[in-house]
Amino acid sequence: MLTPETAIAIVSNAVHITALIVCVLIVPSLIGGLLVSIFQAATQINEQMLSFLPRLLITLGMLIFAGNWILRTLGDLFIETFKQAGRLVG
């Protein structure tokens, strides 16, 4: 039977894994953007591509680097969620 505690545990696990995956992709891009902004402020270069392109490349690099882990983690989450759903419904 699906109790409120079980539902909260399932949703909490999903939110935790989602936040972890987002952090893996976004935090390196945030750090790269901060470094580029410091460089732009120090040199007074205000080129828009200079602020956008490094963040894009860092995000793509992290997708390539961590993509396998992301897919495995999401796959494990879906498998575990569907296993729990089968036990809880019947």
PDB file of N, CA and C in Angstrom:
ATOM      1  N   MET A   1       0.841  -1.183   0.000  1.00  0.00           N
ATOM      2  CA  MET A   1       0.000   0.000   0.000  1.00  0.00           C
ATOM      3  C   MET A   1       0.884   1.243   0.000  1.00  0.00           C
ATOM      4  N   LEU A   2       0.465   2.212  -0.752  1.00  0.00           N
ATOM      5  CA  LEU A   2       1.218   3.462  -0.855  1.00  0.00           C
ATOM      6  C   LEU A   2       0.809   4.404   0.279  1.00  0.00           C
ATOM      7  N   THR A   3       1.711   4.585   1.206  1.00  0.00           N
ATOM      8  CA  THR A   3       1.466   5.498   2.318  1.00  0.00           C
ATOM      9  C   THR A   3       2.099   6.848   1.997  1.00  0.00           C
ATOM     10  N   PRO A   4       1.697   7.890   2.695  1.00  0.00           N
ATOM     11  CA  PRO A   4       2.315   9.194   2.456  1.00  0.00           C
ATOM     12  C   PRO A   4       3.831   9.183   2.690  1.00  0.00           C
ATOM     13  N   GLU A   5       4.273   8.409   3.670  1.00  0.00           N
ATOM     14  CA  GLU A   5       5.712   8.339   3.945  1.00  0.00           C
ATOM     15  C   GLU A   5       6.468   7.713   2.778  1.00  0.00           C
ATOM     16  N   THR A   6       5.893   6.673   2.183  1.00  0.00           N
ATOM     17  CA  THR A   6       6.527   6.020   1.040  1.00  0.00           C
ATOM     18  C   THR A   6       6.566   6.955  -0.157  1.00  0.00           C
ATOM     19  N   ALA A   7       5.475   7.662  -0.399  1.00  0.00           N
ATOM     20  CA  ALA A   7       5.433   8.606  -1.513  1.00  0.00           C
ATOM     21  C   ALA A   7       6.459   9.714  -1.319  1.00  0.00           C
ATOM     22  N   ILE A   8       6.575  10.204  -0.105  1.00  0.00           N
ATOM     23  CA  ILE A   8       7.559  11.255   0.181  1.00  0.00           C
ATOM     24  C   ILE A   8       8.972  10.727  -0.025  1.00  0.00           C
ATOM     25  N   ALA A   9       9.228   9.487   0.374  1.00  0.00           N
ATOM     26  CA  ALA A   9      10.558   8.901   0.197  1.00  0.00           C
ATOM     27  C   ALA A   9      10.902   8.752  -1.282  1.00  0.00           C
ATOM     28  N   ILE A  10       9.941   8.332  -2.089  1.00  0.00           N
ATOM     29  CA  ILE A  10      10.182   8.165  -3.528  1.00  0.00           C
ATOM     30  C   ILE A  10      10.454   9.514  -4.181  1.00  0.00           C
ATOM     31  N   VAL A  11       9.626  10.498  -3.885  1.00  0.00           N
ATOM     32  CA  VAL A  11       9.805  11.831  -4.473  1.00  0.00           C
ATOM     33  C   VAL A  11      11.089  12.473  -3.966  1.00  0.00           C
ATOM     34  N   SER A  12      11.395  12.287  -2.702  1.00  0.00           N
ATOM     35  CA  SER A  12      12.623  12.848  -2.142  1.00  0.00           C
ATOM     36  C   SER A  12      13.859  12.267  -2.821  1.00  0.00           C
ATOM     37  N   ASN A  13      13.855  10.966  -3.062  1.00  0.00           N
ATOM     38  CA  ASN A  13      14.969  10.331  -3.760  1.00  0.00           C
ATOM     39  C   ASN A  13      15.099  10.872  -5.182  1.00  0.00           C
ATOM     40  N   ALA A  14      13.982  11.040  -5.876  1.00  0.00           N
ATOM     41  CA  ALA A  14      14.012  11.566  -7.243  1.00  0.00           C
ATOM     42  C   ALA A  14      14.525  13.003  -7.277  1.00  0.00           C
ATOM     43  N   VAL A  15      14.092  13.818  -6.341  1.00  0.00           N
ATOM     44  CA  VAL A  15      14.550  15.211  -6.291  1.00  0.00           C
ATOM     45  C   VAL A  15      16.035  15.273  -5.952  1.00  0.00           C
ATOM     46  N   HIS A  16      16.484  14.424  -5.045  1.00  0.00           N
ATOM     47  CA  HIS A  16      17.899  14.393  -4.671  1.00  0.00           C
ATOM     48  C   HIS A  16      18.770  14.022  -5.874  1.00  0.00           C
ATOM     49  N   ILE A  17      18.392  13.002  -6.609  1.00  0.00           N
ATOM     50  CA  ILE A  17      19.176  12.582  -7.773  1.00  0.00           C
ATOM     51  C   ILE A  17      19.132  13.653  -8.858  1.00  0.00           C
ATOM     52  N   THR A  18      17.980  14.276  -9.064  1.00  0.00           N
ATOM     53  CA  THR A  18      17.877  15.347 -10.057  1.00  0.00           C
ATOM     54  C   THR A  18      18.770  16.522  -9.691  1.00  0.00           C
ATOM     55  N   ALA A  19      18.773  16.915  -8.438  1.00  0.00           N
ATOM     56  CA  ALA A  19      19.630  18.018  -7.995  1.00  0.00           C
ATOM     57  C   ALA A  19      21.105  17.668  -8.159  1.00  0.00           C
ATOM     58  N   LEU A  20      21.465  16.430  -7.878  1.00  0.00           N
ATOM     59  CA  LEU A  20      22.853  15.993  -8.036  1.00  0.00           C
ATOM     60  C   LEU A  20      23.289  16.059  -9.493  1.00  0.00           C
ATOM     61  N   ILE A  21      22.442  15.614 -10.394  1.00  0.00           N
ATOM     62  CA  ILE A  21      22.777  15.644 -11.822  1.00  0.00           C
ATOM     63  C   ILE A  21      22.869  17.080 -12.321  1.00  0.00           C
ATOM     64  N   VAL A  22      21.955  17.926 -11.898  1.00  0.00           N
ATOM     65  CA  VAL A  22      21.997  19.332 -12.308  1.00  0.00           C
ATOM     66  C   VAL A  22      23.268  19.998 -11.795  1.00  0.00           C
ATOM     67  N   CYS A  23      23.646  19.698 -10.563  1.00  0.00           N
ATOM     68  CA  CYS A  23      24.882  20.282 -10.013  1.00  0.00           C
ATOM     69  C   CYS A  23      26.108  19.839 -10.790  1.00  0.00           C
ATOM     70  N   VAL A  24      26.140  18.583 -11.210  1.00  0.00           N
ATOM     71  CA  VAL A  24      27.281  18.086 -11.986  1.00  0.00           C
ATOM     72  C   VAL A  24      27.404  18.855 -13.296  1.00  0.00           C
ATOM     73  N   LEU A  25      26.293  19.244 -13.886  1.00  0.00           N
ATOM     74  CA  LEU A  25      26.333  19.963 -15.160  1.00  0.00           C
ATOM     75  C   LEU A  25      26.501  21.466 -14.990  1.00  0.00           C
ATOM     76  N   ILE A  26      25.888  22.050 -13.976  1.00  0.00           N
ATOM     77  CA  ILE A  26      25.822  23.504 -13.862  1.00  0.00           C
ATOM     78  C   ILE A  26      26.989  24.116 -13.093  1.00  0.00           C
ATOM     79  N   VAL A  27      27.445  23.470 -12.030  1.00  0.00           N
ATOM     80  CA  VAL A  27      28.493  24.069 -11.189  1.00  0.00           C
ATOM     81  C   VAL A  27      29.787  24.333 -11.963  1.00  0.00           C
ATOM     82  N   PRO A  28      30.291  23.395 -12.778  1.00  0.00           N
ATOM     83  CA  PRO A  28      31.499  23.731 -13.552  1.00  0.00           C
ATOM     84  C   PRO A  28      31.282  24.902 -14.512  1.00  0.00           C
ATOM     85  N   SER A  29      30.100  24.976 -15.110  1.00  0.00           N
ATOM     86  CA  SER A  29      29.791  26.093 -15.996  1.00  0.00           C
ATOM     87  C   SER A  29      29.729  27.404 -15.221  1.00  0.00           C
ATOM     88  N   LEU A  30      29.187  27.361 -14.020  1.00  0.00           N
ATOM     89  CA  LEU A  30      29.128  28.548 -13.171  1.00  0.00           C
ATOM     90  C   LEU A  30      30.527  29.030 -12.803  1.00  0.00           C
ATOM     91  N   ILE A  31      31.404  28.110 -12.446  1.00  0.00           N
ATOM     92  CA  ILE A  31      32.784  28.474 -12.104  1.00  0.00           C
ATOM     93  C   ILE A  31      33.505  29.031 -13.324  1.00  0.00           C
ATOM     94  N   GLY A  32      33.309  28.392 -14.481  1.00  0.00           N
ATOM     95  CA  GLY A  32      33.922  28.903 -15.712  1.00  0.00           C
ATOM     96  C   GLY A  32      33.417  30.288 -16.066  1.00  0.00           C
ATOM     97  N   GLY A  33      32.120  30.514 -15.916  1.00  0.00           N
ATOM     98  CA  GLY A  33      31.559  31.839 -16.179  1.00  0.00           C
ATOM     99  C   GLY A  33      32.094  32.892 -15.230  1.00  0.00           C
ATOM    100  N   LEU A  34      32.286  32.513 -13.974  1.00  0.00           N
ATOM    101  CA  LEU A  34      32.854  33.445 -12.998  1.00  0.00           C
ATOM    102  C   LEU A  34      34.288  33.818 -13.368  1.00  0.00           C
ATOM    103  N   LEU A  35      35.084  32.832 -13.772  1.00  0.00           N
ATOM    104  CA  LEU A  35      36.465  33.110 -14.178  1.00  0.00           C
ATOM    105  C   LEU A  35      36.521  33.995 -15.419  1.00  0.00           C
ATOM    106  N   VAL A  36      35.635  33.744 -16.382  1.00  0.00           N
ATOM    107  CA  VAL A  36      35.594  34.580 -17.585  1.00  0.00           C
ATOM    108  C   VAL A  36      35.161  35.995 -17.222  1.00  0.00           C
ATOM    109  N   SER A  37      34.207  36.137 -16.316  1.00  0.00           N
ATOM    110  CA  SER A  37      33.765  37.471 -15.895  1.00  0.00           C
ATOM    111  C   SER A  37      34.877  38.234 -15.195  1.00  0.00           C
ATOM    112  N   ILE A  38      35.649  37.542 -14.368  1.00  0.00           N
ATOM    113  CA  ILE A  38      36.792  38.193 -13.716  1.00  0.00           C
ATOM    114  C   ILE A  38      37.808  38.635 -14.761  1.00  0.00           C
ATOM    115  N   PHE A  39      38.066  37.773 -15.745  1.00  0.00           N
ATOM    116  CA  PHE A  39      38.995  38.123 -16.823  1.00  0.00           C
ATOM    117  C   PHE A  39      38.483  39.329 -17.609  1.00  0.00           C
ATOM    118  N   GLN A  40      37.182  39.352 -17.912  1.00  0.00           N
ATOM    119  CA  GLN A  40      36.612  40.484 -18.648  1.00  0.00           C
ATOM    120  C   GLN A  40      36.691  41.770 -17.836  1.00  0.00           C
ATOM    121  N   ALA A  41      36.456  41.683 -16.554  1.00  0.00           N
ATOM    122  CA  ALA A  41      36.534  42.882 -15.712  1.00  0.00           C
ATOM    123  C   ALA A  41      37.967  43.384 -15.609  1.00  0.00           C
ATOM    124  N   ALA A  42      38.921  42.466 -15.560  1.00  0.00           N
ATOM    125  CA  ALA A  42      40.320  42.869 -15.429  1.00  0.00           C
ATOM    126  C   ALA A  42      40.854  43.485 -16.718  1.00  0.00           C
ATOM    127  N   THR A  43      40.399  42.980 -17.866  1.00  0.00           N
ATOM    128  CA  THR A  43      40.919  43.471 -19.149  1.00  0.00           C
ATOM    129  C   THR A  43      39.983  44.468 -19.819  1.00  0.00           C
ATOM    130  N   GLN A  44      38.813  44.671 -19.270  1.00  0.00           N
ATOM    131  CA  GLN A  44      37.788  45.562 -19.815  1.00  0.00           C
ATOM    132  C   GLN A  44      37.371  45.167 -21.227  1.00  0.00           C
ATOM    133  N   ILE A  45      37.341  43.865 -21.486  1.00  0.00           N
ATOM    134  CA  ILE A  45      36.828  43.341 -22.750  1.00  0.00           C
ATOM    135  C   ILE A  45      35.369  42.964 -22.510  1.00  0.00           C
ATOM    136  N   ASN A  46      34.463  43.525 -23.294  1.00  0.00           N
ATOM    137  CA  ASN A  46      33.039  43.259 -23.111  1.00  0.00           C
ATOM    138  C   ASN A  46      32.452  42.548 -24.321  1.00  0.00           C
ATOM    139  N   GLU A  47      33.075  41.487 -24.744  1.00  0.00           N
ATOM    140  CA  GLU A  47      32.586  40.701 -25.876  1.00  0.00           C
ATOM    141  C   GLU A  47      31.596  39.651 -25.360  1.00  0.00           C
ATOM    142  N   GLN A  48      30.410  39.597 -25.964  1.00  0.00           N
ATOM    143  CA  GLN A  48      29.376  38.679 -25.497  1.00  0.00           C
ATOM    144  C   GLN A  48      29.734  37.215 -25.761  1.00  0.00           C
ATOM    145  N   MET A  49      30.388  36.937 -26.887  1.00  0.00           N
ATOM    146  CA  MET A  49      30.770  35.557 -27.184  1.00  0.00           C
ATOM    147  C   MET A  49      31.789  35.041 -26.175  1.00  0.00           C
ATOM    148  N   LEU A  50      32.614  35.919 -25.636  1.00  0.00           N
ATOM    149  CA  LEU A  50      33.621  35.505 -24.666  1.00  0.00           C
ATOM    150  C   LEU A  50      32.970  35.020 -23.375  1.00  0.00           C
ATOM    151  N   SER A  51      31.804  35.522 -23.059  1.00  0.00           N
ATOM    152  CA  SER A  51      31.132  35.064 -21.841  1.00  0.00           C
ATOM    153  C   SER A  51      30.251  33.839 -22.097  1.00  0.00           C
ATOM    154  N   PHE A  52      29.768  33.667 -23.320  1.00  0.00           N
ATOM    155  CA  PHE A  52      28.847  32.569 -23.621  1.00  0.00           C
ATOM    156  C   PHE A  52      29.570  31.294 -24.034  1.00  0.00           C
ATOM    157  N   LEU A  53      30.541  31.399 -24.898  1.00  0.00           N
ATOM    158  CA  LEU A  53      31.182  30.228 -25.487  1.00  0.00           C
ATOM    159  C   LEU A  53      31.892  29.335 -24.467  1.00  0.00           C
ATOM    160  N   PRO A  54      32.666  29.871 -23.524  1.00  0.00           N
ATOM    161  CA  PRO A  54      33.293  28.970 -22.542  1.00  0.00           C
ATOM    162  C   PRO A  54      32.281  28.196 -21.695  1.00  0.00           C
ATOM    163  N   ARG A  55      31.199  28.848 -21.313  1.00  0.00           N
ATOM    164  CA  ARG A  55      30.183  28.142 -20.527  1.00  0.00           C
ATOM    165  C   ARG A  55      29.539  27.029 -21.339  1.00  0.00           C
ATOM    166  N   LEU A  56      29.287  27.296 -22.618  1.00  0.00           N
ATOM    167  CA  LEU A  56      28.714  26.276 -23.488  1.00  0.00           C
ATOM    168  C   LEU A  56      29.667  25.096 -23.639  1.00  0.00           C
ATOM    169  N   LEU A  57      30.934  25.377 -23.868  1.00  0.00           N
ATOM    170  CA  LEU A  57      31.921  24.313 -24.037  1.00  0.00           C
ATOM    171  C   LEU A  57      32.116  23.512 -22.750  1.00  0.00           C
ATOM    172  N   ILE A  58      32.107  24.187 -21.621  1.00  0.00           N
ATOM    173  CA  ILE A  58      32.241  23.482 -20.339  1.00  0.00           C
ATOM    174  C   ILE A  58      31.040  22.568 -20.105  1.00  0.00           C
ATOM    175  N   THR A  59      29.842  23.060 -20.401  1.00  0.00           N
ATOM    176  CA  THR A  59      28.647  22.241 -20.220  1.00  0.00           C
ATOM    177  C   THR A  59      28.663  21.037 -21.150  1.00  0.00           C
ATOM    178  N   LEU A  60      29.036  21.240 -22.406  1.00  0.00           N
ATOM    179  CA  LEU A  60      29.128  20.117 -23.342  1.00  0.00           C
ATOM    180  C   LEU A  60      30.205  19.130 -22.903  1.00  0.00           C
ATOM    181  N   GLY A  61      31.327  19.647 -22.421  1.00  0.00           N
ATOM    182  CA  GLY A  61      32.378  18.769 -21.916  1.00  0.00           C
ATOM    183  C   GLY A  61      31.917  17.936 -20.734  1.00  0.00           C
ATOM    184  N   MET A  62      31.159  18.543 -19.843  1.00  0.00           N
ATOM    185  CA  MET A  62      30.643  17.796 -18.696  1.00  0.00           C
ATOM    186  C   MET A  62      29.614  16.756 -19.132  1.00  0.00           C
ATOM    187  N   LEU A  63      28.822  17.077 -20.155  1.00  0.00           N
ATOM    188  CA  LEU A  63      27.891  16.081 -20.684  1.00  0.00           C
ATOM    189  C   LEU A  63      28.639  14.888 -21.255  1.00  0.00           C
ATOM    190  N   ILE A  64      29.724  15.164 -21.968  1.00  0.00           N
ATOM    191  CA  ILE A  64      30.524  14.081 -22.540  1.00  0.00           C
ATOM    192  C   ILE A  64      31.213  13.296 -21.425  1.00  0.00           C
ATOM    193  N   PHE A  65      31.789  14.009 -20.475  1.00  0.00           N
ATOM    194  CA  PHE A  65      32.545  13.374 -19.398  1.00  0.00           C
ATOM    195  C   PHE A  65      31.644  12.585 -18.443  1.00  0.00           C
ATOM    196  N   ALA A  66      30.519  13.159 -18.059  1.00  0.00           N
ATOM    197  CA  ALA A  66      29.655  12.544 -17.047  1.00  0.00           C
ATOM    198  C   ALA A  66      28.388  11.936 -17.632  1.00  0.00           C
ATOM    199  N   GLY A  67      28.261  11.918 -18.953  1.00  0.00           N
ATOM    200  CA  GLY A  67      27.037  11.419 -19.575  1.00  0.00           C
ATOM    201  C   GLY A  67      26.720   9.978 -19.226  1.00  0.00           C
ATOM    202  N   ASN A  68      27.741   9.128 -19.219  1.00  0.00           N
ATOM    203  CA  ASN A  68      27.529   7.723 -18.896  1.00  0.00           C
ATOM    204  C   ASN A  68      27.014   7.567 -17.466  1.00  0.00           C
ATOM    205  N   TRP A  69      27.612   8.303 -16.546  1.00  0.00           N
ATOM    206  CA  TRP A  69      27.173   8.242 -15.154  1.00  0.00           C
ATOM    207  C   TRP A  69      25.740   8.759 -15.009  1.00  0.00           C
ATOM    208  N   ILE A  70      25.428   9.843 -15.731  1.00  0.00           N
ATOM    209  CA  ILE A  70      24.080  10.418 -15.663  1.00  0.00           C
ATOM    210  C   ILE A  70      23.046   9.411 -16.159  1.00  0.00           C
ATOM    211  N   LEU A  71      23.325   8.777 -17.294  1.00  0.00           N
ATOM    212  CA  LEU A  71      22.372   7.805 -17.837  1.00  0.00           C
ATOM    213  C   LEU A  71      22.214   6.594 -16.918  1.00  0.00           C
ATOM    214  N   ARG A  72      23.319   6.115 -16.342  1.00  0.00           N
ATOM    215  CA  ARG A  72      23.229   4.986 -15.412  1.00  0.00           C
ATOM    216  C   ARG A  72      22.427   5.363 -14.171  1.00  0.00           C
ATOM    217  N   THR A  73      22.670   6.553 -13.651  1.00  0.00           N
ATOM    218  CA  THR A  73      21.965   7.000 -12.444  1.00  0.00           C
ATOM    219  C   THR A  73      20.470   7.151 -12.705  1.00  0.00           C
ATOM    220  N   LEU A  74      20.118   7.771 -13.823  1.00  0.00           N
ATOM    221  CA  LEU A  74      18.696   7.921 -14.154  1.00  0.00           C
ATOM    222  C   LEU A  74      18.046   6.574 -14.444  1.00  0.00           C
ATOM    223  N   GLY A  75      18.774   5.696 -15.127  1.00  0.00           N
ATOM    224  CA  GLY A  75      18.248   4.355 -15.392  1.00  0.00           C
ATOM    225  C   GLY A  75      17.993   3.587 -14.107  1.00  0.00           C
ATOM    226  N   ASP A  76      18.933   3.656 -13.173  1.00  0.00           N
ATOM    227  CA  ASP A  76      18.742   2.991 -11.877  1.00  0.00           C
ATOM    228  C   ASP A  76      17.557   3.583 -11.117  1.00  0.00           C
ATOM    229  N   LEU A  77      17.405   4.901 -11.192  1.00  0.00           N
ATOM    230  CA  LEU A  77      16.268   5.551 -10.526  1.00  0.00           C
ATOM    231  C   LEU A  77      14.947   5.066 -11.115  1.00  0.00           C
ATOM    232  N   PHE A  78      14.854   5.014 -12.446  1.00  0.00           N
ATOM    233  CA  PHE A  78      13.611   4.572 -13.078  1.00  0.00           C
ATOM    234  C   PHE A  78      13.319   3.111 -12.768  1.00  0.00           C
ATOM    235  N   ILE A  79      14.341   2.262 -12.821  1.00  0.00           N
ATOM    236  CA  ILE A  79      14.132   0.845 -12.528  1.00  0.00           C
ATOM    237  C   ILE A  79      13.651   0.666 -11.091  1.00  0.00           C
ATOM    238  N   GLU A  80      14.311   1.340 -10.159  1.00  0.00           N
ATOM    239  CA  GLU A  80      13.922   1.223  -8.748  1.00  0.00           C
ATOM    240  C   GLU A  80      12.516   1.779  -8.511  1.00  0.00           C
ATOM    241  N   THR A  81      12.182   2.885  -9.174  1.00  0.00           N
ATOM    242  CA  THR A  81      10.845   3.471  -9.013  1.00  0.00           C
ATOM    243  C   THR A  81       9.768   2.527  -9.539  1.00  0.00           C
ATOM    244  N   PHE A  82      10.013   1.912 -10.698  1.00  0.00           N
ATOM    245  CA  PHE A  82       9.014   0.997 -11.247  1.00  0.00           C
ATOM    246  C   PHE A  82       8.920  -0.294 -10.438  1.00  0.00           C
ATOM    247  N   LYS A  83      10.024  -0.750  -9.868  1.00  0.00           N
ATOM    248  CA  LYS A  83       9.957  -1.917  -8.985  1.00  0.00           C
ATOM    249  C   LYS A  83       9.110  -1.598  -7.756  1.00  0.00           C
ATOM    250  N   GLN A  84       9.317  -0.414  -7.187  1.00  0.00           N
ATOM    251  CA  GLN A  84       8.526  -0.019  -6.019  1.00  0.00           C
ATOM    252  C   GLN A  84       7.063   0.158  -6.393  1.00  0.00           C
ATOM    253  N   ALA A  85       6.804   0.690  -7.584  1.00  0.00           N
ATOM    254  CA  ALA A  85       5.415   0.895  -8.009  1.00  0.00           C
ATOM    255  C   ALA A  85       4.697  -0.441  -8.146  1.00  0.00           C
ATOM    256  N   GLY A  86       5.397  -1.444  -8.645  1.00  0.00           N
ATOM    257  CA  GLY A  86       4.784  -2.762  -8.772  1.00  0.00           C
ATOM    258  C   GLY A  86       4.431  -3.375  -7.429  1.00  0.00           C
ATOM    259  N   ARG A  87       5.265  -3.154  -6.438  1.00  0.00           N
ATOM    260  CA  ARG A  87       4.993  -3.686  -5.101  1.00  0.00           C
ATOM    261  C   ARG A  87       3.908  -2.890  -4.386  1.00  0.00           C
ATOM    262  N   LEU A  88       3.864  -1.589  -4.620  1.00  0.00           N
ATOM    263  CA  LEU A  88       2.954  -0.736  -3.863  1.00  0.00           C
ATOM    264  C   LEU A  88       1.528  -0.769  -4.391  1.00  0.00           C
ATOM    265  N   VAL A  89       1.364  -0.979  -5.685  1.00  0.00           N
ATOM    266  CA  VAL A  89       0.019  -0.962  -6.263  1.00  0.00           C
ATOM    267  C   VAL A  89      -0.714  -2.257  -5.957  1.00  0.00           C
ATOM    268  N   GLY A  90      -0.029  -3.376  -6.106  1.00  0.00           N
ATOM    269  CA  GLY A  90      -0.687  -4.675  -5.950  1.00  0.00           C
ATOM    270  C   GLY A  90      -0.728  -5.080  -4.545  1.00  0.00           C
TER     271      GLY A  90
END
